[in-house]
């Protein structure tokens, strides 16, 4: 995956060797991911990634999480 999980956005997260429970890993490649698998991690989002803008229920599923509320 390299250091490009956030696309063109520059961020300070290290995207190499990400665990499989991170949203950027589960959503790659774009438009070819398992919607049902991702849905259980995003059905009640409380966090958003400062790098890529993905949301998740738990901060452990994002590279650079911050609370939505």
PDB file of N, CA and C in Angstrom:
ATOM      1  N   UNK A   1       0.813  -1.191   0.000  1.00  0.00           N
ATOM      2  CA  UNK A   1       0.000   0.000   0.000  1.00  0.00           C
ATOM      3  C   UNK A   1       0.858   1.257   0.000  1.00  0.00           C
ATOM      4  N   UNK A   2       2.038   1.197   0.525  1.00  0.00           N
ATOM      5  CA  UNK A   2       2.932   2.342   0.508  1.00  0.00           C
ATOM      6  C   UNK A   2       2.445   3.451   1.407  1.00  0.00           C
ATOM      7  N   UNK A   3       2.866   4.679   1.119  1.00  0.00           N
ATOM      8  CA  UNK A   3       2.457   5.832   1.900  1.00  0.00           C
ATOM      9  C   UNK A   3       1.394   6.649   1.175  1.00  0.00           C
ATOM     10  N   UNK A   4       0.561   5.999   0.381  1.00  0.00           N
ATOM     11  CA  UNK A   4      -0.405   6.737  -0.411  1.00  0.00           C
ATOM     12  C   UNK A   4      -1.846   6.366  -0.115  1.00  0.00           C
ATOM     13  N   UNK A   5      -2.136   5.870   1.091  1.00  0.00           N
ATOM     14  CA  UNK A   5      -3.502   5.462   1.393  1.00  0.00           C
ATOM     15  C   UNK A   5      -4.452   6.644   1.426  1.00  0.00           C
ATOM     16  N   UNK A   6      -3.940   7.832   1.602  1.00  0.00           N
ATOM     17  CA  UNK A   6      -4.785   9.026   1.700  1.00  0.00           C
ATOM     18  C   UNK A   6      -4.846   9.783   0.383  1.00  0.00           C
ATOM     19  N   UNK A   7      -4.356   9.197  -0.676  1.00  0.00           N
ATOM     20  CA  UNK A   7      -4.406   9.847  -1.980  1.00  0.00           C
ATOM     21  C   UNK A   7      -3.466  11.025  -2.060  1.00  0.00           C
ATOM     22  N   UNK A   8      -3.971  12.140  -2.566  1.00  0.00           N
ATOM     23  CA  UNK A   8      -3.151  13.331  -2.754  1.00  0.00           C
ATOM     24  C   UNK A   8      -3.030  14.192  -1.503  1.00  0.00           C
ATOM     25  N   UNK A   9      -3.714  13.807  -0.439  1.00  0.00           N
ATOM     26  CA  UNK A   9      -3.687  14.581   0.801  1.00  0.00           C
ATOM     27  C   UNK A   9      -2.401  14.287   1.553  1.00  0.00           C
ATOM     28  N   UNK A  10      -1.700  15.330   1.973  1.00  0.00           N
ATOM     29  CA  UNK A  10      -0.488  15.093   2.750  1.00  0.00           C
ATOM     30  C   UNK A  10      -0.870  14.950   4.215  1.00  0.00           C
ATOM     31  N   UNK A  11      -0.371  13.904   4.848  1.00  0.00           N
ATOM     32  CA  UNK A  11      -0.652  13.684   6.257  1.00  0.00           C
ATOM     33  C   UNK A  11       0.571  13.056   6.911  1.00  0.00           C
ATOM     34  N   UNK A  12       0.522  12.975   8.218  1.00  0.00           N
ATOM     35  CA  UNK A  12       1.673  12.467   8.952  1.00  0.00           C
ATOM     36  C   UNK A  12       1.546  10.998   9.337  1.00  0.00           C
ATOM     37  N   UNK A  13       0.535  10.302   8.821  1.00  0.00           N
ATOM     38  CA  UNK A  13       0.397   8.894   9.188  1.00  0.00           C
ATOM     39  C   UNK A  13       1.288   8.032   8.295  1.00  0.00           C
ATOM     40  N   UNK A  14       1.795   6.956   8.876  1.00  0.00           N
ATOM     41  CA  UNK A  14       2.630   6.015   8.146  1.00  0.00           C
ATOM     42  C   UNK A  14       1.721   4.936   7.577  1.00  0.00           C
ATOM     43  N   UNK A  15       1.524   4.942   6.288  1.00  0.00           N
ATOM     44  CA  UNK A  15       0.568   4.040   5.659  1.00  0.00           C
ATOM     45  C   UNK A  15       1.170   2.687   5.280  1.00  0.00           C
ATOM     46  N   UNK A  16       2.440   2.487   5.554  1.00  0.00           N
ATOM     47  CA  UNK A  16       3.036   1.193   5.236  1.00  0.00           C
ATOM     48  C   UNK A  16       2.707   0.206   6.351  1.00  0.00           C
ATOM     49  N   UNK A  17       2.428  -1.003   5.989  1.00  0.00           N
ATOM     50  CA  UNK A  17       2.120  -2.085   6.925  1.00  0.00           C
ATOM     51  C   UNK A  17       0.931  -1.777   7.827  1.00  0.00           C
ATOM     52  N   UNK A  18      -0.131  -1.247   7.258  1.00  0.00           N
ATOM     53  CA  UNK A  18      -1.333  -0.973   8.034  1.00  0.00           C
ATOM     54  C   UNK A  18      -2.045  -2.273   8.391  1.00  0.00           C
ATOM     55  N   UNK A  19      -2.653  -2.338   9.571  1.00  0.00           N
ATOM     56  CA  UNK A  19      -3.421  -3.521   9.931  1.00  0.00           C
ATOM     57  C   UNK A  19      -4.688  -3.616   9.071  1.00  0.00           C
ATOM     58  N   UNK A  20      -5.215  -4.818   8.898  1.00  0.00           N
ATOM     59  CA  UNK A  20      -6.363  -5.008   8.001  1.00  0.00           C
ATOM     60  C   UNK A  20      -7.657  -4.365   8.489  1.00  0.00           C
ATOM     61  N   UNK A  21      -7.703  -3.884   9.736  1.00  0.00           N
ATOM     62  CA  UNK A  21      -8.937  -3.279  10.238  1.00  0.00           C
ATOM     63  C   UNK A  21      -9.018  -1.778   9.984  1.00  0.00           C
ATOM     64  N   UNK A  22      -8.074  -1.204   9.267  1.00  0.00           N
ATOM     65  CA  UNK A  22      -8.108   0.225   8.946  1.00  0.00           C
ATOM     66  C   UNK A  22      -8.996   0.452   7.728  1.00  0.00           C
ATOM     67  N   UNK A  23      -9.754   1.528   7.763  1.00  0.00           N
ATOM     68  CA  UNK A  23     -10.690   1.817   6.681  1.00  0.00           C
ATOM     69  C   UNK A  23      -9.988   1.978   5.337  1.00  0.00           C
ATOM     70  N   UNK A  24      -8.803   2.581   5.322  1.00  0.00           N
ATOM     71  CA  UNK A  24      -8.119   2.773   4.043  1.00  0.00           C
ATOM     72  C   UNK A  24      -7.678   1.443   3.435  1.00  0.00           C
ATOM     73  N   UNK A  25      -7.440   0.440   4.254  1.00  0.00           N
ATOM     74  CA  UNK A  25      -7.104  -0.885   3.736  1.00  0.00           C
ATOM     75  C   UNK A  25      -8.370  -1.574   3.233  1.00  0.00           C
ATOM     76  N   UNK A  26      -9.444  -1.494   4.021  1.00  0.00           N
ATOM     77  CA  UNK A  26     -10.690  -2.161   3.639  1.00  0.00           C
ATOM     78  C   UNK A  26     -11.333  -1.541   2.406  1.00  0.00           C
ATOM     79  N   UNK A  27     -11.092  -0.259   2.164  1.00  0.00           N
ATOM     80  CA  UNK A  27     -11.712   0.433   1.036  1.00  0.00           C
ATOM     81  C   UNK A  27     -10.839   0.429  -0.216  1.00  0.00           C
ATOM     82  N   UNK A  28      -9.747  -0.307  -0.203  1.00  0.00           N
ATOM     83  CA  UNK A  28      -8.860  -0.348  -1.365  1.00  0.00           C
ATOM     84  C   UNK A  28      -8.978  -1.679  -2.085  1.00  0.00           C
ATOM     85  N   UNK A  29      -8.910  -1.701  -3.386  1.00  0.00           N
ATOM     86  CA  UNK A  29      -8.887  -0.537  -4.257  1.00  0.00           C
ATOM     87  C   UNK A  29     -10.257   0.135  -4.273  1.00  0.00           C
ATOM     88  N   UNK A  30     -10.287   1.430  -4.540  1.00  0.00           N
ATOM     89  CA  UNK A  30     -11.550   2.160  -4.536  1.00  0.00           C
ATOM     90  C   UNK A  30     -12.579   1.524  -5.457  1.00  0.00           C
ATOM     91  N   UNK A  31     -13.807   1.515  -5.021  1.00  0.00           N
ATOM     92  CA  UNK A  31     -14.957   1.013  -5.776  1.00  0.00           C
ATOM     93  C   UNK A  31     -14.959  -0.499  -5.960  1.00  0.00           C
ATOM     94  N   UNK A  32     -14.033  -1.212  -5.322  1.00  0.00           N
ATOM     95  CA  UNK A  32     -13.994  -2.671  -5.438  1.00  0.00           C
ATOM     96  C   UNK A  32     -13.838  -3.297  -4.058  1.00  0.00           C
ATOM     97  N   UNK A  33     -14.541  -2.750  -3.072  1.00  0.00           N
ATOM     98  CA  UNK A  33     -14.423  -3.270  -1.727  1.00  0.00           C
ATOM     99  C   UNK A  33     -15.725  -3.944  -1.298  1.00  0.00           C
ATOM    100  N   UNK A  34     -15.660  -4.715  -0.240  1.00  0.00           N
ATOM    101  CA  UNK A  34     -16.806  -5.450   0.281  1.00  0.00           C
ATOM    102  C   UNK A  34     -17.656  -4.510   1.140  1.00  0.00           C
ATOM    103  N   UNK A  35     -18.764  -4.048   0.586  1.00  0.00           N
ATOM    104  CA  UNK A  35     -19.624  -3.083   1.266  1.00  0.00           C
ATOM    105  C   UNK A  35     -20.125  -3.630   2.598  1.00  0.00           C
ATOM    106  N   UNK A  36     -20.502  -4.878   2.639  1.00  0.00           N
ATOM    107  CA  UNK A  36     -21.021  -5.465   3.877  1.00  0.00           C
ATOM    108  C   UNK A  36     -19.959  -5.511   4.967  1.00  0.00           C
ATOM    109  N   UNK A  37     -18.730  -5.776   4.610  1.00  0.00           N
ATOM    110  CA  UNK A  37     -17.635  -5.798   5.588  1.00  0.00           C
ATOM    111  C   UNK A  37     -17.392  -4.395   6.148  1.00  0.00           C
ATOM    112  N   UNK A  38     -17.391  -3.401   5.288  1.00  0.00           N
ATOM    113  CA  UNK A  38     -17.141  -2.025   5.700  1.00  0.00           C
ATOM    114  C   UNK A  38     -18.317  -1.465   6.503  1.00  0.00           C
ATOM    115  N   UNK A  39     -19.534  -1.871   6.152  1.00  0.00           N
ATOM    116  CA  UNK A  39     -20.738  -1.330   6.797  1.00  0.00           C
ATOM    117  C   UNK A  39     -20.717  -1.492   8.313  1.00  0.00           C
ATOM    118  N   UNK A  40     -20.249  -2.635   8.820  1.00  0.00           N
ATOM    119  CA  UNK A  40     -20.256  -2.861  10.266  1.00  0.00           C
ATOM    120  C   UNK A  40     -19.267  -1.963  11.011  1.00  0.00           C
ATOM    121  N   UNK A  41     -18.320  -1.390  10.308  1.00  0.00           N
ATOM    122  CA  UNK A  41     -17.357  -0.475  10.915  1.00  0.00           C
ATOM    123  C   UNK A  41     -17.781   0.987  10.790  1.00  0.00           C
ATOM    124  N   UNK A  42     -18.830   1.245   9.997  1.00  0.00           N
ATOM    125  CA  UNK A  42     -19.215   2.624   9.711  1.00  0.00           C
ATOM    126  C   UNK A  42     -20.692   2.926   9.939  1.00  0.00           C
ATOM    127  N   UNK A  43     -21.432   2.007  10.560  1.00  0.00           N
ATOM    128  CA  UNK A  43     -22.871   2.200  10.697  1.00  0.00           C
ATOM    129  C   UNK A  43     -23.267   3.235  11.746  1.00  0.00           C
ATOM    130  N   UNK A  44     -22.364   3.604  12.634  1.00  0.00           N
ATOM    131  CA  UNK A  44     -22.608   4.639  13.641  1.00  0.00           C
ATOM    132  C   UNK A  44     -21.309   5.418  13.861  1.00  0.00           C
ATOM    133  N   UNK A  45     -20.864   6.172  12.847  1.00  0.00           N
ATOM    134  CA  UNK A  45     -19.545   6.815  12.916  1.00  0.00           C
ATOM    135  C   UNK A  45     -19.437   7.859  14.017  1.00  0.00           C
ATOM    136  N   UNK A  46     -18.343   7.770  14.746  1.00  0.00           N
ATOM    137  CA  UNK A  46     -18.046   8.725  15.811  1.00  0.00           C
ATOM    138  C   UNK A  46     -16.693   9.407  15.572  1.00  0.00           C
ATOM    139  N   UNK A  47     -15.951   8.919  14.579  1.00  0.00           N
ATOM    140  CA  UNK A  47     -14.621   9.452  14.293  1.00  0.00           C
ATOM    141  C   UNK A  47     -14.461   9.685  12.795  1.00  0.00           C
ATOM    142  N   UNK A  48     -13.602  10.635  12.458  1.00  0.00           N
ATOM    143  CA  UNK A  48     -13.265  10.928  11.066  1.00  0.00           C
ATOM    144  C   UNK A  48     -11.740  11.003  10.958  1.00  0.00           C
ATOM    145  N   UNK A  49     -11.189  10.562   9.850  1.00  0.00           N
ATOM    146  CA  UNK A  49      -9.747  10.597   9.638  1.00  0.00           C
ATOM    147  C   UNK A  49      -9.339  11.998   9.156  1.00  0.00           C
ATOM    148  N   UNK A  50      -8.352  12.575   9.815  1.00  0.00           N
ATOM    149  CA  UNK A  50      -7.864  13.904   9.427  1.00  0.00           C
ATOM    150  C   UNK A  50      -7.144  13.873   8.084  1.00  0.00           C
ATOM    151  N   UNK A  51      -6.715  12.705   7.650  1.00  0.00           N
ATOM    152  CA  UNK A  51      -5.987  12.604   6.373  1.00  0.00           C
ATOM    153  C   UNK A  51      -6.926  12.422   5.184  1.00  0.00           C
ATOM    154  N   UNK A  52      -7.749  11.376   5.255  1.00  0.00           N
ATOM    155  CA  UNK A  52      -8.521  11.011   4.067  1.00  0.00           C
ATOM    156  C   UNK A  52     -10.001  11.324   4.168  1.00  0.00           C
ATOM    157  N   UNK A  53     -10.502  11.648   5.377  1.00  0.00           N
ATOM    158  CA  UNK A  53     -11.909  11.984   5.534  1.00  0.00           C
ATOM    159  C   UNK A  53     -12.830  10.796   5.697  1.00  0.00           C
ATOM    160  N   UNK A  54     -12.280   9.592   5.731  1.00  0.00           N
ATOM    161  CA  UNK A  54     -13.129   8.422   5.976  1.00  0.00           C
ATOM    162  C   UNK A  54     -13.647   8.465   7.400  1.00  0.00           C
ATOM    163  N   UNK A  55     -14.819   7.869   7.629  1.00  0.00           N
ATOM    164  CA  UNK A  55     -15.399   7.822   8.966  1.00  0.00           C
ATOM    165  C   UNK A  55     -15.448   6.393   9.467  1.00  0.00           C
ATOM    166  N   UNK A  56     -15.552   6.246  10.794  1.00  0.00           N
ATOM    167  CA  UNK A  56     -15.624   4.917  11.408  1.00  0.00           C
ATOM    168  C   UNK A  56     -16.256   5.025  12.796  1.00  0.00           C
ATOM    169  N   UNK A  57     -16.757   3.905  13.258  1.00  0.00           N
ATOM    170  CA  UNK A  57     -17.343   3.833  14.597  1.00  0.00           C
ATOM    171  C   UNK A  57     -16.279   3.956  15.680  1.00  0.00           C
ATOM    172  N   UNK A  58     -15.123   3.354  15.450  1.00  0.00           N
ATOM    173  CA  UNK A  58     -14.039   3.307  16.443  1.00  0.00           C
ATOM    174  C   UNK A  58     -12.789   3.977  15.870  1.00  0.00           C
ATOM    175  N   UNK A  59     -12.032   4.657  16.730  1.00  0.00           N
ATOM    176  CA  UNK A  59     -10.825   5.347  16.267  1.00  0.00           C
ATOM    177  C   UNK A  59      -9.751   4.386  15.794  1.00  0.00           C
ATOM    178  N   UNK A  60      -9.775   3.147  16.263  1.00  0.00           N
ATOM    179  CA  UNK A  60      -8.784   2.141  15.862  1.00  0.00           C
ATOM    180  C   UNK A  60      -8.877   1.799  14.383  1.00  0.00           C
ATOM    181  N   UNK A  61      -9.978   2.171  13.743  1.00  0.00           N
ATOM    182  CA  UNK A  61     -10.169   1.849  12.334  1.00  0.00           C
ATOM    183  C   UNK A  61      -9.725   2.969  11.396  1.00  0.00           C
ATOM    184  N   UNK A  62      -9.095   4.010  11.945  1.00  0.00           N
ATOM    185  CA  UNK A  62      -8.626   5.131  11.128  1.00  0.00           C
ATOM    186  C   UNK A  62      -7.157   5.413  11.409  1.00  0.00           C
ATOM    187  N   UNK A  63      -6.471   5.993  10.440  1.00  0.00           N
ATOM    188  CA  UNK A  63      -5.041   6.293  10.582  1.00  0.00           C
ATOM    189  C   UNK A  63      -4.786   7.507  11.469  1.00  0.00           C
ATOM    190  N   UNK A  64      -5.604   8.538  11.292  1.00  0.00           N
ATOM    191  CA  UNK A  64      -5.401   9.779  12.029  1.00  0.00           C
ATOM    192  C   UNK A  64      -6.779  10.276  12.521  1.00  0.00           C
ATOM    193  N   UNK A  65      -7.361   9.582  13.514  1.00  0.00           N
ATOM    194  CA  UNK A  65      -8.745   9.865  13.917  1.00  0.00           C
ATOM    195  C   UNK A  65      -8.903  11.113  14.789  1.00  0.00           C
ATOM    196  N   UNK A  66     -10.064  11.723  14.638  1.00  0.00           N
ATOM    197  CA  UNK A  66     -10.504  12.791  15.524  1.00  0.00           C
ATOM    198  C   UNK A  66     -12.006  12.612  15.694  1.00  0.00           C
ATOM    199  N   UNK A  67     -12.534  13.000  16.845  1.00  0.00           N
ATOM    200  CA  UNK A  67     -13.961  12.815  17.118  1.00  0.00           C
ATOM    201  C   UNK A  67     -14.807  13.704  16.231  1.00  0.00           C
ATOM    202  N   UNK A  68     -15.940  13.163  15.786  1.00  0.00           N
ATOM    203  CA  UNK A  68     -16.880  13.942  14.985  1.00  0.00           C
ATOM    204  C   UNK A  68     -17.666  14.908  15.855  1.00  0.00           C
ATOM    205  N   UNK A  69     -17.944  14.527  17.080  1.00  0.00           N
ATOM    206  CA  UNK A  69     -18.793  15.350  17.966  1.00  0.00           C
ATOM    207  C   UNK A  69     -17.988  16.071  18.981  1.00  0.00           C
TER     208      UNK A  69
END
